[in-house]
Protein backbone atom coordinates (compact mmCIF):
# COMPACT_ATOMS: atom_id res chain seq x y z
CA MET A 1 -76.67 -144.16 243.77
CA SER A 2 -79.82 -145.58 245.32
CA ASP A 3 -80.27 -149.29 246.09
CA GLY A 4 -82.93 -149.45 243.38
CA ALA A 5 -80.50 -148.13 240.78
CA ILE A 6 -77.86 -150.66 241.91
CA ASP A 7 -80.41 -153.50 241.60
CA LEU A 8 -81.36 -152.34 238.09
CA LYS A 9 -77.70 -152.30 237.05
CA ALA A 10 -77.09 -155.78 238.49
CA GLU A 11 -80.20 -157.08 236.74
CA ALA A 12 -79.15 -155.53 233.39
CA ARG A 13 -75.69 -157.05 233.76
CA ALA A 14 -77.04 -160.53 234.52
CA LYS A 15 -79.41 -160.36 231.55
CA ALA A 16 -76.77 -158.98 229.15
CA TYR A 17 -74.52 -161.98 229.81
CA ALA A 18 -77.30 -164.60 230.01
CA ILE A 19 -78.91 -164.14 226.59
CA PRO A 20 -77.39 -165.60 223.41
CA LEU A 21 -75.09 -163.13 221.66
CA GLU A 22 -77.31 -163.02 218.57
CA GLU A 23 -80.25 -161.81 220.67
CA ILE A 24 -78.48 -158.67 221.91
CA ASN A 25 -80.32 -155.63 220.57
CA VAL A 26 -78.60 -152.40 221.57
CA THR A 27 -81.27 -150.32 219.79
CA ASP A 28 -83.95 -151.41 222.30
CA ILE A 29 -85.33 -148.06 223.53
CA GLU A 30 -85.99 -149.44 227.01
CA LEU A 31 -82.23 -149.93 227.51
CA TRP A 32 -81.70 -146.23 226.83
CA ARG A 33 -84.59 -145.00 228.96
CA THR A 34 -83.22 -146.94 231.95
CA GLU A 35 -79.50 -146.53 231.07
CA SER A 36 -79.10 -150.32 231.03
CA TYR A 37 -77.09 -150.64 227.81
CA TRP A 38 -73.58 -150.58 229.33
CA PRO A 39 -73.16 -154.34 230.02
CA TYR A 40 -74.46 -155.18 226.52
CA PHE A 41 -71.78 -153.00 224.93
CA GLU A 42 -69.17 -154.40 227.33
CA ARG A 43 -70.04 -157.93 226.22
CA LEU A 44 -69.96 -157.00 222.53
CA ARG A 45 -66.53 -155.37 222.92
CA LYS A 46 -65.22 -158.55 224.59
CA GLU A 47 -66.89 -161.24 222.52
CA ASP A 48 -67.97 -159.79 219.17
CA PRO A 49 -66.73 -156.23 218.56
CA VAL A 50 -68.03 -156.19 214.96
CA HIS A 51 -71.46 -157.69 215.53
CA TYR A 52 -74.20 -158.42 213.01
CA HIS A 53 -77.79 -157.67 214.02
CA PRO A 54 -80.14 -159.72 211.84
CA GLU A 55 -83.45 -158.76 210.27
CA GLY A 56 -86.17 -158.30 212.89
CA GLN A 57 -84.17 -156.49 215.58
CA HIS A 58 -84.72 -153.03 214.11
CA GLU A 59 -87.64 -151.80 212.04
CA ASP A 60 -85.30 -150.52 209.32
CA GLY A 61 -83.56 -153.84 208.78
CA PRO A 62 -80.24 -155.49 209.68
CA PHE A 63 -77.04 -153.64 210.59
CA TRP A 64 -73.54 -154.08 212.01
CA SER A 65 -72.55 -152.74 215.45
CA VAL A 66 -68.93 -151.57 215.75
CA THR A 67 -68.14 -151.13 219.44
CA LYS A 68 -64.34 -150.78 219.90
CA PHE A 69 -62.43 -147.50 219.70
CA ASN A 70 -59.94 -148.43 216.99
CA ASP A 71 -62.51 -150.19 214.80
CA ILE A 72 -64.80 -147.15 215.01
CA MET A 73 -61.86 -144.92 214.11
CA ALA A 74 -61.11 -147.15 211.10
CA VAL A 75 -64.68 -146.73 209.84
CA ASP A 76 -64.95 -143.01 210.62
CA THR A 77 -61.72 -142.10 208.82
CA ASN A 78 -62.38 -144.17 205.67
CA HIS A 79 -65.14 -142.29 203.86
CA GLU A 80 -64.32 -144.03 200.57
CA ALA A 81 -65.36 -147.44 201.92
CA PHE A 82 -67.90 -146.21 204.47
CA SER A 83 -70.22 -143.58 203.05
CA SER A 84 -72.31 -141.09 205.03
CA GLU A 85 -75.00 -141.27 202.37
CA PRO A 86 -77.96 -141.74 202.54
CA SER A 87 -78.23 -141.31 206.34
CA ILE A 88 -76.20 -140.95 209.54
CA THR A 89 -78.78 -142.80 211.65
CA ILE A 90 -80.03 -146.38 211.48
CA PHE A 91 -83.20 -145.14 209.80
CA ASP A 92 -83.21 -144.85 206.03
CA PRO A 93 -84.68 -141.66 204.58
CA LYS A 94 -88.28 -142.00 203.44
CA ASP A 95 -88.55 -141.73 199.64
CA ASP A 96 -90.99 -138.84 199.86
CA PHE A 97 -89.21 -137.02 202.69
CA THR A 98 -85.48 -136.97 202.09
CA LEU A 99 -83.50 -134.24 203.84
CA PRO A 100 -80.05 -133.83 202.28
CA MET A 101 -77.53 -132.37 204.78
CA PHE A 102 -73.77 -132.08 204.56
CA ILE A 103 -73.12 -134.49 207.45
CA ALA A 104 -74.91 -137.15 205.34
CA MET A 105 -72.88 -136.36 202.22
CA ASP A 106 -69.54 -137.47 200.89
CA PRO A 107 -66.85 -135.30 199.26
CA PRO A 108 -66.75 -133.13 197.27
CA LYS A 109 -70.22 -131.76 198.08
CA HIS A 110 -69.77 -132.33 201.82
CA ASP A 111 -66.52 -130.38 201.88
CA VAL A 112 -67.75 -127.22 200.15
CA GLN A 113 -70.98 -127.03 202.16
CA ARG A 114 -69.17 -127.56 205.47
CA LYS A 115 -66.62 -124.91 204.48
CA THR A 116 -69.47 -122.42 203.93
CA VAL A 117 -70.58 -122.49 207.59
CA SER A 118 -67.29 -123.26 209.37
CA PRO A 119 -66.19 -119.58 209.74
CA ILE A 120 -68.86 -119.17 212.44
CA VAL A 121 -66.76 -121.36 214.74
CA SER A 122 -63.35 -119.98 213.77
CA PRO A 123 -61.01 -119.16 216.69
CA HIS A 124 -61.48 -115.44 215.99
CA ASN A 125 -65.28 -115.69 216.04
CA LEU A 126 -65.27 -117.76 219.23
CA GLN A 127 -63.14 -115.06 220.86
CA GLU A 128 -65.71 -112.47 219.75
CA LEU A 129 -68.59 -114.58 221.15
CA GLU A 130 -66.99 -115.25 224.54
CA PRO A 131 -68.15 -112.05 226.33
CA LEU A 132 -71.72 -112.56 225.08
CA ILE A 133 -71.75 -116.21 226.22
CA ARG A 134 -70.35 -115.26 229.61
CA GLY A 135 -72.87 -112.45 230.13
CA ARG A 136 -75.80 -114.73 229.33
CA ILE A 137 -74.52 -117.50 231.58
CA GLN A 138 -74.07 -115.02 234.45
CA LYS A 139 -77.62 -113.72 233.99
CA THR A 140 -79.08 -117.25 233.80
CA LEU A 141 -77.24 -118.47 236.90
CA ASP A 142 -78.12 -115.32 238.87
CA SER A 143 -81.81 -115.97 238.20
CA LEU A 144 -81.78 -119.48 239.72
CA PRO A 145 -83.66 -120.06 243.00
CA ILE A 146 -81.78 -120.99 246.15
CA ASN A 147 -82.87 -123.94 248.30
CA GLU A 148 -85.78 -124.71 246.00
CA PRO A 149 -85.84 -127.61 243.51
CA PHE A 150 -85.90 -126.70 239.80
CA ASP A 151 -85.32 -128.44 236.47
CA TRP A 152 -81.70 -127.84 235.42
CA VAL A 153 -82.43 -129.10 231.88
CA ASP A 154 -85.08 -126.46 231.24
CA ARG A 155 -83.72 -123.53 233.25
CA VAL A 156 -80.05 -123.83 232.31
CA SER A 157 -79.11 -126.38 229.63
CA ILE A 158 -81.91 -125.69 227.16
CA GLU A 159 -82.02 -121.97 227.86
CA LEU A 160 -78.29 -121.40 227.32
CA THR A 161 -77.94 -123.57 224.21
CA THR A 162 -81.08 -122.11 222.64
CA GLN A 163 -79.84 -118.56 223.25
CA MET A 164 -76.57 -119.53 221.56
CA LEU A 165 -78.38 -121.05 218.58
CA ALA A 166 -80.53 -117.94 218.20
CA THR A 167 -77.33 -115.88 218.05
CA LEU A 168 -75.62 -118.16 215.50
CA PHE A 169 -78.67 -117.99 213.20
CA ASP A 170 -79.51 -114.37 214.12
CA PHE A 171 -82.92 -115.85 214.86
CA PRO A 172 -85.70 -113.76 216.50
CA PHE A 173 -84.75 -114.07 220.17
CA ASP A 174 -88.27 -114.22 221.58
CA ASP A 175 -89.05 -117.21 219.35
CA ARG A 176 -85.90 -119.10 220.33
CA ARG A 177 -87.71 -122.01 222.04
CA LYS A 178 -89.04 -122.96 218.59
CA LEU A 179 -85.45 -124.06 217.87
CA THR A 180 -85.54 -126.41 220.88
CA ARG A 181 -88.84 -127.87 219.74
CA TRP A 182 -87.66 -128.44 216.16
CA SER A 183 -84.46 -130.05 217.41
CA ASP A 184 -86.41 -132.44 219.64
CA VAL A 185 -89.02 -133.23 216.98
CA ALA A 186 -86.34 -133.96 214.36
CA THR A 187 -84.75 -136.77 216.37
CA ALA A 188 -87.56 -138.10 218.61
CA GLY A 189 -89.34 -141.43 218.18
CA PRO A 190 -92.95 -142.44 218.88
CA GLU A 191 -92.08 -143.29 222.51
CA SER A 192 -90.79 -139.77 223.27
CA GLY A 193 -94.14 -138.32 224.38
CA LEU A 194 -93.48 -135.29 222.18
CA PHE A 195 -96.22 -136.15 219.70
CA LYS A 196 -100.00 -136.34 220.01
CA SER A 197 -99.92 -139.98 218.84
CA THR A 198 -97.68 -142.99 219.47
CA ASP A 199 -98.56 -144.59 216.14
CA PRO A 200 -95.37 -144.50 214.01
CA GLU A 201 -97.17 -143.34 210.86
CA GLU A 202 -99.04 -140.57 212.66
CA VAL A 203 -95.85 -139.52 214.45
CA GLU A 204 -94.09 -139.27 211.08
CA ALA A 205 -96.92 -137.10 209.72
CA GLU A 206 -96.72 -134.83 212.78
CA ARG A 207 -92.94 -134.60 212.49
CA ARG A 208 -93.18 -133.56 208.85
CA MET A 209 -95.79 -130.93 209.59
CA GLU A 210 -93.61 -129.34 212.28
CA LEU A 211 -90.46 -129.50 210.18
CA PHE A 212 -92.28 -127.83 207.29
CA GLU A 213 -93.20 -125.06 209.75
CA CYS A 214 -89.47 -124.85 210.56
CA VAL A 215 -88.42 -124.46 206.92
CA ASP A 216 -91.23 -121.95 206.25
CA TYR A 217 -90.01 -119.80 209.15
CA PHE A 218 -86.38 -120.05 208.05
CA SER A 219 -87.29 -119.37 204.41
CA ARG A 220 -88.59 -115.96 205.46
CA LEU A 221 -85.26 -115.28 207.19
CA TRP A 222 -83.41 -116.50 204.06
CA GLU A 223 -85.33 -113.98 201.92
CA GLU A 224 -84.31 -111.17 204.27
CA ARG A 225 -80.63 -112.20 204.31
CA VAL A 226 -80.22 -112.99 200.61
CA ASN A 227 -81.43 -109.48 199.76
CA ALA A 228 -79.08 -107.83 202.23
CA PRO A 229 -75.27 -107.62 202.33
CA PRO A 230 -73.56 -110.82 203.64
CA LYS A 231 -73.31 -111.02 207.43
CA SER A 232 -71.66 -113.45 209.83
CA ASP A 233 -74.75 -115.47 210.84
CA LEU A 234 -75.42 -119.00 209.57
CA ILE A 235 -78.43 -118.13 207.40
CA SER A 236 -76.59 -115.29 205.68
CA MET A 237 -73.61 -117.61 205.12
CA LEU A 238 -75.87 -120.24 203.51
CA ALA A 239 -77.80 -117.66 201.46
CA HIS A 240 -74.63 -116.09 200.04
CA GLY A 241 -72.35 -119.16 199.90
CA GLU A 242 -71.48 -120.38 196.39
CA ALA A 243 -72.03 -124.02 197.40
CA THR A 244 -75.30 -123.41 199.25
CA LYS A 245 -77.13 -120.44 197.71
CA ASN A 246 -78.99 -122.63 195.21
CA MET A 247 -80.14 -125.27 197.71
CA ASP A 248 -83.73 -126.40 197.29
CA ARG A 249 -86.20 -126.27 200.18
CA MET A 250 -85.54 -129.84 201.40
CA GLU A 251 -81.76 -129.44 201.37
CA TYR A 252 -82.11 -126.13 203.24
CA LEU A 253 -84.29 -127.90 205.82
CA GLY A 254 -81.82 -130.78 206.05
CA ASN A 255 -78.89 -128.48 206.76
CA LEU A 256 -80.96 -126.43 209.22
CA ILE A 257 -81.86 -129.57 211.16
CA LEU A 258 -78.20 -130.61 211.18
CA LEU A 259 -77.09 -127.23 212.54
CA ILE A 260 -79.95 -126.99 215.06
CA VAL A 261 -79.48 -130.53 216.43
CA GLY A 262 -75.68 -130.23 216.31
CA GLY A 263 -75.76 -126.94 218.21
CA ASN A 264 -78.47 -127.92 220.64
CA ASP A 265 -78.54 -131.56 221.72
CA THR A 266 -74.83 -132.07 222.19
CA THR A 267 -74.00 -129.04 224.34
CA ARG A 268 -77.28 -129.13 226.22
CA ASN A 269 -76.85 -132.77 227.30
CA SER A 270 -73.22 -132.26 228.29
CA MET A 271 -74.28 -129.29 230.45
CA THR A 272 -76.72 -131.55 232.28
CA GLY A 273 -74.31 -134.49 232.25
CA SER A 274 -71.60 -132.44 233.94
CA VAL A 275 -73.82 -131.73 236.97
CA LEU A 276 -74.90 -135.37 237.16
CA ALA A 277 -71.35 -136.74 236.81
CA LEU A 278 -70.00 -134.47 239.55
CA ASN A 279 -72.89 -135.49 241.84
CA GLN A 280 -72.23 -139.16 241.21
CA ASN A 281 -68.51 -138.60 241.86
CA PRO A 282 -68.29 -136.29 244.90
CA ALA A 283 -64.52 -136.69 245.23
CA GLU A 284 -64.12 -135.27 241.69
CA TYR A 285 -66.50 -132.41 242.57
CA ALA A 286 -64.34 -131.60 245.61
CA LYS A 287 -61.24 -131.76 243.42
CA LEU A 288 -62.80 -129.27 240.98
CA ARG A 289 -63.83 -126.84 243.71
CA ALA A 290 -60.32 -126.99 245.17
CA ASN A 291 -58.73 -126.39 241.77
CA PRO A 292 -60.82 -124.52 239.18
CA ASP A 293 -57.88 -124.78 236.74
CA LEU A 294 -59.17 -128.33 236.12
CA ILE A 295 -62.29 -126.97 234.36
CA PRO A 296 -61.02 -127.50 230.75
CA SER A 297 -59.97 -131.06 231.57
CA MET A 298 -63.29 -131.69 233.36
CA VAL A 299 -65.16 -130.42 230.29
CA SER A 300 -63.40 -132.92 228.02
CA GLU A 301 -63.94 -135.76 230.48
CA THR A 302 -67.64 -134.86 230.70
CA ILE A 303 -68.00 -134.92 226.92
CA ARG A 304 -66.40 -138.40 226.86
CA TRP A 305 -68.44 -139.63 229.83
CA GLN A 306 -71.71 -138.25 228.44
CA THR A 307 -71.20 -139.02 224.70
CA PRO A 308 -74.21 -136.86 223.71
CA LEU A 309 -74.75 -138.63 220.38
CA ALA A 310 -74.57 -142.37 220.99
CA HIS A 311 -73.88 -143.43 217.42
CA MET A 312 -73.40 -142.49 213.79
CA ARG A 313 -74.07 -144.68 210.79
CA ARG A 314 -72.12 -145.35 207.62
CA THR A 315 -73.04 -147.51 204.61
CA ALA A 316 -70.44 -149.81 203.03
CA THR A 317 -69.63 -148.85 199.42
CA GLN A 318 -67.76 -152.13 198.82
CA ASP A 319 -67.17 -155.53 200.41
CA ILE A 320 -64.64 -154.91 203.16
CA GLU A 321 -63.20 -156.79 206.13
CA LEU A 322 -63.36 -155.25 209.60
CA GLY A 323 -62.44 -157.04 212.81
CA GLY A 324 -62.31 -160.36 210.97
CA LYS A 325 -65.86 -159.96 209.61
CA LEU A 326 -66.83 -159.46 205.97
CA ILE A 327 -69.07 -156.43 205.62
CA LYS A 328 -70.92 -156.50 202.31
CA LYS A 329 -71.47 -153.58 199.97
CA GLY A 330 -74.70 -151.80 200.99
CA ASP A 331 -74.61 -153.00 204.62
CA LYS A 332 -75.38 -150.50 207.39
CA VAL A 333 -72.51 -149.99 209.83
CA ILE A 334 -73.23 -148.32 213.18
CA MET A 335 -70.31 -146.72 215.02
CA TRP A 336 -71.23 -146.78 218.70
CA TYR A 337 -69.24 -143.81 220.02
CA VAL A 338 -70.82 -144.42 223.42
CA SER A 339 -69.11 -147.84 223.52
CA GLY A 340 -65.80 -146.68 222.03
CA ASN A 341 -65.56 -144.12 224.83
CA ARG A 342 -65.60 -147.03 227.32
CA ASP A 343 -63.05 -149.21 225.51
CA GLU A 344 -60.75 -150.62 228.20
CA GLU A 345 -57.95 -151.31 225.71
CA VAL A 346 -57.62 -147.65 224.69
CA ILE A 347 -58.85 -145.56 227.64
CA ALA A 348 -57.53 -146.33 231.13
CA ASN A 349 -60.26 -147.05 233.68
CA PRO A 350 -62.92 -145.91 231.17
CA THR A 351 -66.00 -146.40 233.35
CA ALA A 352 -64.65 -143.95 235.93
CA TYR A 353 -65.22 -140.20 235.74
CA ILE A 354 -61.78 -138.65 236.33
CA ILE A 355 -61.55 -134.90 235.78
CA ASP A 356 -57.75 -134.77 235.75
CA ARG A 357 -57.12 -137.60 233.29
CA GLU A 358 -53.74 -137.63 231.58
CA ARG A 359 -55.33 -137.40 228.09
CA PRO A 360 -58.85 -136.02 228.62
CA ARG A 361 -59.35 -135.15 224.95
CA GLN A 362 -58.85 -138.77 223.91
CA HIS A 363 -62.48 -139.57 223.20
CA MET A 364 -64.79 -140.07 220.23
CA SER A 365 -67.76 -137.89 221.13
CA PHE A 366 -66.95 -135.48 218.28
CA GLY A 367 -66.24 -138.20 215.72
CA PHE A 368 -63.17 -138.36 213.48
CA GLY A 369 -62.14 -137.64 209.94
CA ILE A 370 -63.96 -135.32 207.57
CA HIS A 371 -67.17 -135.38 209.62
CA ARG A 372 -65.59 -134.43 212.96
CA CYS A 373 -68.01 -132.11 214.77
CA VAL A 374 -67.62 -128.64 213.27
CA GLY A 375 -68.72 -126.91 216.51
CA ASN A 376 -66.61 -128.89 218.96
CA ARG A 377 -64.64 -125.86 220.20
CA LEU A 378 -67.82 -123.85 220.69
CA ALA A 379 -69.30 -126.66 222.79
CA GLU A 380 -66.17 -126.78 224.95
CA LEU A 381 -66.16 -122.99 225.28
CA GLN A 382 -69.77 -122.87 226.53
CA LEU A 383 -69.16 -125.65 229.06
CA ARG A 384 -65.93 -124.06 230.29
CA ILE A 385 -67.56 -120.67 230.88
CA LEU A 386 -70.58 -122.27 232.54
CA TRP A 387 -68.39 -123.97 235.14
CA GLU A 388 -66.15 -120.92 235.66
CA GLU A 389 -69.30 -119.00 236.58
CA VAL A 390 -70.89 -121.83 238.61
CA LEU A 391 -67.82 -122.25 240.82
CA VAL A 392 -67.69 -118.57 241.84
CA ARG A 393 -71.42 -118.58 242.72
CA PHE A 394 -72.49 -121.89 244.22
CA PRO A 395 -70.66 -124.18 246.66
CA GLU A 396 -72.76 -127.06 245.32
CA ILE A 397 -75.50 -128.05 242.88
CA LYS A 398 -77.32 -131.11 244.20
CA VAL A 399 -79.22 -133.54 241.99
CA VAL A 400 -82.34 -134.33 244.02
CA GLU A 401 -84.07 -136.92 241.77
CA GLU A 402 -82.97 -139.52 239.26
CA PRO A 403 -82.95 -137.71 235.88
CA VAL A 404 -85.50 -138.55 233.17
CA ARG A 405 -83.56 -139.78 230.16
CA VAL A 406 -84.42 -139.32 226.49
CA PRO A 407 -85.82 -142.64 225.15
CA SER A 408 -83.48 -142.73 222.15
CA ALA A 409 -80.52 -144.81 220.98
CA PHE A 410 -79.24 -141.77 219.03
CA VAL A 411 -79.50 -138.70 221.28
CA LYS A 412 -78.07 -139.67 224.66
CA GLY A 413 -79.61 -137.02 226.81
CA TYR A 414 -81.96 -135.83 229.51
CA GLU A 415 -85.54 -134.64 229.42
CA LYS A 416 -85.52 -133.44 233.01
CA MET A 417 -83.17 -133.30 236.00
CA MET A 418 -84.32 -131.77 239.26
CA VAL A 419 -81.61 -130.05 241.27
CA SER A 420 -81.33 -127.79 244.27
CA ILE A 421 -78.71 -125.15 245.09
CA PRO A 422 -78.39 -124.98 248.92
CA SER A 423 -76.69 -121.57 249.07
CA ARG A 424 -74.70 -118.93 247.24
CA LEU A 425 -71.05 -118.12 247.85
């Protein structure tokens, strides 16, 4: 870590503990762009683990921050008291642009829609996909330049996850980067640089226009699949599924966005995070090279360390006490998975990256309860194969510049990370 990065961390820490507790705003985009949020979450876990953020801190109104592992688990596993409707992010849906999706639904509708698509990530199907995933990873890695800086995010993380998404949807392969764009546009804010404008209203109009292009494209694929015998891709499953075949256009778009973001952002940012974490922890990188059997454990530790989606939201359906605080019916409750994954009382030495942890799968990056990430095993499979193939090819992948982080308190990821591979094995 450079001296500048150390100074920034020390400065963030001093500020996090100097300001009054009620002024802490963990949704401040600047904290996420500079990765300066850690001491704020540390302080909340110690001093006010169920913390109320008043009106004025976030444009969509007040909310509660839940920052400790067991409190988050209590919220995530109690869908009767903490509903996923109407949204899983801090933002409320706009009245004229509501996108129903099963992750933002409660039972019974959630259960039947989720069940419609879950066969795509069954153990049998993952076994079938493994040779395809491995072949693509081999081809991608073999095409990388040696001793010449390149952007790992674009050349590897985005490319591999977008190829996988195209396969899951049976989406035209040459158009696959459209999936990346729609995923980014769905979750990005005005400060992302993805839009022509930075004005929130104009950004919203641009977002809608692009997402309508997304649903128009997918509607053509739906028409093809609904008029053909059922197949094992996601669109065919939705088109023929009893619980999904009568979805309207906005619900179709909502579930598409869920599946695109779920299949893209999480795996892609863990692929980048794994390279960064091993660079920041050279002793762990040496340990991995010496013992490739640690790859599955390293994958789980990376997913904890990265926490690719920083939070999920619930809405209280009743007055309920949590951590000694009274949460009122209708209040927004934000589960900060990124903070729960650093909870000192549950995870030993949680700020360290340790690839041979005793319980590496003890993390909250996939959530808990009925909304636990449906594709978690697929994400782990892709990361495992990636590192099996990296270790037989390259003695080292060096990060040569500080990565550019996504300016978002929801997607915890990377826009760009320049690396260099000194040599092949």
